[in-house]
Amino acid sequence: MLQTLEAIITQSGLVKFNEPFTLEHSVKAYVTILPDAPADSIKPPLGKNLLQVLESAPFNQASFGDSDKLAQQIQDNRNAWND
C-alpha cells in the first residue's frame, strides 16, 4: 500500500516526520525533495494543534452540554438511517 508522509530532512540527512509514525518492519521508500517553503507555512504536528485548542479560552470557558439531550440526539440520528 502506498502511503505519503510529510517530513523534514535536515542538512545532515536526518528525517523528522511531522507526525508520529512507526513501522512494523523495514520498507523501501522514495524521497521527493520539494521546493523550499516559507518557515511560517510549515504546520506544527497535529498533537500540538489539539493541545492549543484544549488550552484555549473558548474551549475552557464553554459550558457543559446536557448529556440526556446529547444521548437523545445520537439515538435520533441512529434511527434516521431506518427511515
N, C-alpha and C. Protein backbone atom coordinates (compact mmCIF):
# COMPACT_ATOMS: atom_id res chain seq x y z
N MET A 1 0.85 -1.17 0.00
CA MET A 1 0.00 0.00 0.00
C MET A 1 0.89 1.23 0.00
N LEU A 2 0.63 2.18 -0.88
CA LEU A 2 1.38 3.43 -0.91
C LEU A 2 0.87 4.35 0.18
N GLN A 3 1.79 5.06 0.79
CA GLN A 3 1.42 5.99 1.85
C GLN A 3 2.35 7.19 1.75
N THR A 4 1.80 8.37 1.87
CA THR A 4 2.61 9.58 1.81
C THR A 4 2.70 10.18 3.21
N LEU A 5 3.91 10.51 3.62
CA LEU A 5 4.15 11.09 4.92
C LEU A 5 4.91 12.40 4.75
N GLU A 6 4.54 13.41 5.50
CA GLU A 6 5.26 14.68 5.43
C GLU A 6 6.40 14.66 6.44
N ALA A 7 7.56 15.11 6.01
CA ALA A 7 8.73 15.10 6.87
C ALA A 7 9.67 16.23 6.48
N ILE A 8 10.59 16.52 7.36
CA ILE A 8 11.65 17.48 7.10
C ILE A 8 12.96 16.69 7.11
N ILE A 9 13.83 16.96 6.15
CA ILE A 9 15.15 16.34 6.13
C ILE A 9 16.16 17.42 6.49
N THR A 10 16.91 17.19 7.56
CA THR A 10 17.90 18.17 7.99
C THR A 10 19.10 18.16 7.06
N GLN A 11 19.96 19.16 7.20
CA GLN A 11 21.15 19.25 6.36
C GLN A 11 22.04 18.03 6.52
N SER A 12 21.99 17.40 7.70
CA SER A 12 22.82 16.21 7.93
C SER A 12 22.14 14.93 7.45
N GLY A 13 20.92 15.04 6.90
CA GLY A 13 20.23 13.88 6.36
C GLY A 13 19.27 13.21 7.31
N LEU A 14 19.09 13.75 8.51
CA LEU A 14 18.15 13.19 9.47
C LEU A 14 16.72 13.48 9.01
N VAL A 15 15.88 12.45 8.98
CA VAL A 15 14.48 12.61 8.56
C VAL A 15 13.62 12.75 9.82
N LYS A 16 12.88 13.86 9.89
CA LYS A 16 11.99 14.12 11.02
C LYS A 16 10.56 14.16 10.49
N PHE A 17 9.76 13.18 10.86
CA PHE A 17 8.37 13.16 10.43
C PHE A 17 7.58 14.22 11.19
N ASN A 18 6.62 14.84 10.53
CA ASN A 18 5.82 15.90 11.14
C ASN A 18 4.75 15.34 12.07
N GLU A 19 4.47 14.06 12.00
CA GLU A 19 3.52 13.39 12.88
C GLU A 19 4.14 12.08 13.33
N PRO A 20 3.73 11.56 14.49
CA PRO A 20 4.27 10.27 14.93
C PRO A 20 4.03 9.19 13.87
N PHE A 21 5.05 8.35 13.69
CA PHE A 21 4.95 7.32 12.66
C PHE A 21 5.84 6.15 13.04
N THR A 22 5.32 4.94 12.96
CA THR A 22 6.11 3.74 13.22
C THR A 22 5.80 2.70 12.15
N LEU A 23 6.71 1.79 11.98
CA LEU A 23 6.55 0.69 11.02
C LEU A 23 6.73 -0.64 11.75
N GLU A 24 6.08 -1.67 11.24
CA GLU A 24 6.26 -3.00 11.83
C GLU A 24 7.55 -3.64 11.33
N HIS A 25 8.05 -3.21 10.18
CA HIS A 25 9.27 -3.75 9.60
C HIS A 25 9.87 -2.72 8.65
N SER A 26 11.08 -2.95 8.21
CA SER A 26 11.73 -2.03 7.26
C SER A 26 10.99 -2.05 5.93
N VAL A 27 10.93 -0.91 5.28
CA VAL A 27 10.26 -0.80 3.98
C VAL A 27 11.12 0.02 3.03
N LYS A 28 10.86 -0.15 1.75
CA LYS A 28 11.51 0.65 0.73
C LYS A 28 10.73 1.96 0.60
N ALA A 29 11.44 3.07 0.37
CA ALA A 29 10.77 4.36 0.25
C ALA A 29 11.47 5.20 -0.81
N TYR A 30 10.71 6.04 -1.48
CA TYR A 30 11.26 7.04 -2.39
C TYR A 30 11.10 8.39 -1.71
N VAL A 31 12.06 9.25 -1.88
CA VAL A 31 12.01 10.58 -1.28
C VAL A 31 11.98 11.61 -2.39
N THR A 32 11.01 12.51 -2.32
CA THR A 32 10.92 13.61 -3.27
C THR A 32 11.26 14.89 -2.53
N ILE A 33 12.26 15.61 -3.02
CA ILE A 33 12.66 16.87 -2.39
C ILE A 33 11.78 17.97 -2.98
N LEU A 34 11.05 18.67 -2.11
CA LEU A 34 10.13 19.72 -2.53
C LEU A 34 10.84 21.07 -2.49
N PRO A 35 10.34 22.05 -3.24
CA PRO A 35 10.94 23.39 -3.18
C PRO A 35 10.80 23.96 -1.77
N ASP A 36 11.73 24.85 -1.42
CA ASP A 36 11.68 25.48 -0.11
C ASP A 36 10.37 26.21 0.08
N ALA A 37 9.85 26.14 1.30
CA ALA A 37 8.62 26.85 1.65
C ALA A 37 8.96 27.85 2.74
N PRO A 38 8.24 28.96 2.80
CA PRO A 38 8.48 29.91 3.89
C PRO A 38 8.29 29.21 5.24
N ALA A 39 9.07 29.58 6.23
CA ALA A 39 9.03 28.93 7.54
C ALA A 39 7.64 28.99 8.16
N ASP A 40 6.89 30.08 7.90
CA ASP A 40 5.57 30.20 8.51
C ASP A 40 4.53 29.29 7.87
N SER A 41 4.85 28.65 6.74
CA SER A 41 3.89 27.76 6.10
C SER A 41 4.04 26.32 6.58
N ILE A 42 5.08 26.03 7.36
CA ILE A 42 5.27 24.68 7.88
C ILE A 42 4.36 24.50 9.07
N LYS A 43 3.48 23.51 8.99
CA LYS A 43 2.50 23.28 10.04
C LYS A 43 3.11 22.48 11.18
N PRO A 44 2.78 22.84 12.43
CA PRO A 44 3.25 22.04 13.55
C PRO A 44 2.50 20.70 13.57
N PRO A 45 3.01 19.70 14.25
CA PRO A 45 2.31 18.43 14.34
C PRO A 45 0.90 18.62 14.88
N LEU A 46 -0.02 17.76 14.46
CA LEU A 46 -1.42 17.89 14.85
C LEU A 46 -1.63 17.82 16.36
N GLY A 47 -0.81 17.07 17.06
CA GLY A 47 -0.93 16.98 18.51
C GLY A 47 -0.77 18.33 19.17
N LYS A 48 0.17 19.14 18.66
CA LYS A 48 0.36 20.48 19.21
C LYS A 48 -0.87 21.33 18.94
N ASN A 49 -1.47 21.18 17.76
CA ASN A 49 -2.68 21.94 17.44
C ASN A 49 -3.81 21.57 18.39
N LEU A 50 -3.95 20.30 18.68
CA LEU A 50 -5.01 19.85 19.59
C LEU A 50 -4.79 20.42 20.99
N LEU A 51 -3.55 20.40 21.46
CA LEU A 51 -3.26 20.98 22.77
C LEU A 51 -3.59 22.46 22.81
N GLN A 52 -3.32 23.17 21.72
CA GLN A 52 -3.66 24.60 21.68
C GLN A 52 -5.16 24.80 21.79
N VAL A 53 -5.93 23.97 21.14
CA VAL A 53 -7.40 24.07 21.22
C VAL A 53 -7.86 23.77 22.64
N LEU A 54 -7.33 22.70 23.24
CA LEU A 54 -7.75 22.31 24.59
C LEU A 54 -7.39 23.36 25.63
N GLU A 55 -6.32 24.13 25.39
CA GLU A 55 -5.89 25.16 26.33
C GLU A 55 -6.51 26.53 26.03
N SER A 56 -7.26 26.64 24.94
CA SER A 56 -7.81 27.93 24.54
C SER A 56 -8.96 28.36 25.45
N ALA A 57 -9.15 29.67 25.57
CA ALA A 57 -10.22 30.21 26.40
C ALA A 57 -11.61 29.75 25.93
N PRO A 58 -11.92 29.81 24.62
CA PRO A 58 -13.26 29.38 24.21
C PRO A 58 -13.56 27.93 24.62
N PHE A 59 -12.56 27.08 24.56
CA PHE A 59 -12.79 25.68 24.93
C PHE A 59 -12.95 25.54 26.45
N ASN A 60 -12.06 26.19 27.19
CA ASN A 60 -12.09 26.08 28.65
C ASN A 60 -13.30 26.77 29.28
N GLN A 61 -13.83 27.80 28.62
CA GLN A 61 -14.94 28.56 29.19
C GLN A 61 -16.30 28.09 28.68
N ALA A 62 -16.31 27.11 27.79
CA ALA A 62 -17.57 26.61 27.25
C ALA A 62 -18.34 25.86 28.33
N SER A 63 -19.64 26.03 28.34
CA SER A 63 -20.45 25.31 29.32
C SER A 63 -20.65 23.87 28.87
N PHE A 64 -20.87 23.00 29.83
CA PHE A 64 -21.11 21.60 29.52
C PHE A 64 -22.52 21.44 28.97
N GLY A 65 -22.66 20.54 28.02
CA GLY A 65 -23.97 20.27 27.45
C GLY A 65 -24.77 19.33 28.33
N ASP A 66 -26.01 19.15 27.98
CA ASP A 66 -26.90 18.25 28.70
C ASP A 66 -26.71 16.85 28.13
N SER A 67 -26.22 15.93 28.95
CA SER A 67 -25.90 14.58 28.47
C SER A 67 -27.15 13.83 28.01
N ASP A 68 -28.29 14.07 28.65
CA ASP A 68 -29.53 13.40 28.22
C ASP A 68 -29.96 13.87 26.83
N LYS A 69 -29.84 15.18 26.58
CA LYS A 69 -30.20 15.72 25.26
C LYS A 69 -29.24 15.19 24.20
N LEU A 70 -27.96 15.11 24.54
CA LEU A 70 -26.97 14.59 23.60
C LEU A 70 -27.25 13.12 23.28
N ALA A 71 -27.56 12.33 24.30
CA ALA A 71 -27.86 10.91 24.09
C ALA A 71 -29.10 10.76 23.20
N GLN A 72 -30.10 11.62 23.40
CA GLN A 72 -31.31 11.56 22.58
C GLN A 72 -31.01 11.95 21.14
N GLN A 73 -30.16 12.95 20.95
CA GLN A 73 -29.78 13.37 19.60
C GLN A 73 -29.03 12.25 18.88
N ILE A 74 -28.15 11.56 19.59
CA ILE A 74 -27.43 10.44 18.99
C ILE A 74 -28.40 9.35 18.58
N GLN A 75 -29.34 9.03 19.47
CA GLN A 75 -30.33 7.99 19.15
C GLN A 75 -31.20 8.41 17.97
N ASP A 76 -31.61 9.67 17.92
CA ASP A 76 -32.41 10.16 16.80
C ASP A 76 -31.65 10.03 15.49
N ASN A 77 -30.34 10.35 15.51
CA ASN A 77 -29.53 10.22 14.29
C ASN A 77 -29.39 8.77 13.87
N ARG A 78 -29.23 7.87 14.84
CA ARG A 78 -29.15 6.44 14.50
C ARG A 78 -30.44 5.95 13.88
N ASN A 79 -31.57 6.39 14.44
CA ASN A 79 -32.88 5.96 13.94
C ASN A 79 -33.19 6.55 12.57
N ALA A 80 -32.57 7.68 12.25
CA ALA A 80 -32.83 8.32 10.97
C ALA A 80 -32.40 7.43 9.80
N TRP A 81 -31.46 6.53 10.03
CA TRP A 81 -30.99 5.63 8.97
C TRP A 81 -32.04 4.60 8.60
N ASN A 82 -32.98 4.36 9.50
CA ASN A 82 -34.01 3.35 9.24
C ASN A 82 -35.20 3.89 8.47
N ASP A 83 -35.24 5.20 8.23
CA ASP A 83 -36.38 5.82 7.53
C ASP A 83 -36.36 5.48 6.06
